[in-house]
Amino acid sequence: MSYCRFGNDSDVYIYTTGKYLVCDTCKIKGGKSFATLRYSRMSVHLESHVANGDRVPKNVLEELALSFVLGDDVVNISKLN
């Protein structure tokens, strides 16, 4: 599932593998991917993108926060289906 893709309103590509949240081709990581099991870590990571001036769609930050608040901090594929 993709949270957002590179485009006019986004400088990040965020998706889940079902086990990990991935920031693909991450500018902060020098073009390498950043992966985490936790919604909270991805939220902090995306805040770093925002601080660097990268465009991150607001709905992505809200969606990750909602997943954290309503569920568990750990990505779980069964919750995504």
Protein backbone atom coordinates (compact mmCIF):
# COMPACT_ATOMS: atom_id res chain seq x y z
CA MET A 1 0.00 0.00 0.00
CA SER A 2 1.34 3.40 -0.95
CA TYR A 3 0.86 6.37 1.37
CA CYS A 4 2.20 8.83 -1.22
CA ARG A 5 4.35 8.87 -4.34
CA PHE A 6 6.75 11.35 -5.86
CA GLY A 7 4.80 14.07 -7.65
CA ASN A 8 3.79 17.72 -7.77
CA ASP A 9 2.78 17.71 -4.11
CA SER A 10 5.28 15.19 -2.73
CA ASP A 11 9.06 14.86 -2.52
CA VAL A 12 8.74 11.48 -0.79
CA TYR A 13 7.52 8.01 -1.73
CA ILE A 14 6.17 6.17 1.30
CA TYR A 15 4.72 2.66 1.19
CA THR A 16 4.31 -0.41 3.33
CA THR A 17 5.48 -3.92 2.55
CA GLY A 18 3.05 -5.24 5.16
CA LYS A 19 5.87 -5.55 7.66
CA TYR A 20 7.84 -2.34 7.11
CA LEU A 21 7.07 1.27 6.28
CA VAL A 22 9.52 2.40 3.60
CA CYS A 23 10.69 5.84 2.49
CA ASP A 24 11.97 4.90 -0.95
CA THR A 25 14.93 6.70 -2.53
CA CYS A 26 15.16 8.90 0.57
CA LYS A 27 16.88 12.28 0.14
CA ILE A 28 17.88 12.29 3.82
CA LYS A 29 19.57 8.90 3.43
CA GLY A 30 21.43 9.90 0.27
CA GLY A 31 19.09 8.06 -2.07
CA LYS A 32 18.96 4.85 -0.03
CA SER A 33 15.68 3.60 1.39
CA PHE A 34 14.70 4.13 5.02
CA ALA A 35 12.60 1.31 6.52
CA THR A 36 11.04 0.93 9.94
CA LEU A 37 8.57 -1.32 11.73
CA ARG A 38 7.05 1.62 13.62
CA TYR A 39 4.56 4.28 12.61
CA SER A 40 6.09 6.64 15.18
CA ARG A 41 9.59 6.35 13.66
CA MET A 42 8.27 7.03 10.17
CA SER A 43 6.40 10.07 11.48
CA VAL A 44 9.61 11.44 13.01
CA HIS A 45 11.47 10.63 9.80
CA LEU A 46 8.91 12.52 7.72
CA GLU A 47 9.10 15.49 10.09
CA SER A 48 12.82 15.57 9.23
CA HIS A 49 11.88 15.79 5.55
CA VAL A 50 9.54 18.69 6.32
CA ALA A 51 12.29 20.43 8.32
CA ASN A 52 14.59 20.04 5.29
CA GLY A 53 12.02 21.74 3.07
CA ASP A 54 10.73 18.60 1.37
CA ARG A 55 7.06 18.42 0.48
CA VAL A 56 5.23 15.75 2.48
CA PRO A 57 1.45 15.57 1.98
CA LYS A 58 -0.32 16.51 5.23
CA ASN A 59 -2.70 13.58 4.90
CA VAL A 60 0.25 11.14 5.13
CA LEU A 61 1.32 12.54 8.49
CA GLU A 62 -2.30 12.41 9.67
CA GLU A 63 -2.75 8.83 8.43
CA LEU A 64 0.38 7.63 10.23
CA ALA A 65 -0.68 9.39 13.43
CA LEU A 66 -4.14 7.84 13.22
CA SER A 67 -2.69 4.35 12.68
CA PHE A 68 -0.52 4.86 15.75
CA VAL A 69 -3.33 6.19 17.95
CA LEU A 70 -6.00 3.68 16.91
CA GLY A 71 -3.81 0.62 16.73
CA ASP A 72 -0.38 -0.50 17.59
CA ASP A 73 2.86 1.28 16.77
CA VAL A 74 4.07 -1.76 14.82
CA VAL A 75 3.02 -2.28 11.19
CA ASN A 76 0.75 -5.30 10.81
CA ILE A 77 -0.45 -6.46 7.38
CA SER A 78 -3.70 -7.87 8.75
CA LYS A 79 -4.70 -4.36 9.88
CA LEU A 80 -4.17 -3.01 6.36
CA ASN A 81 -6.56 -5.44 4.62
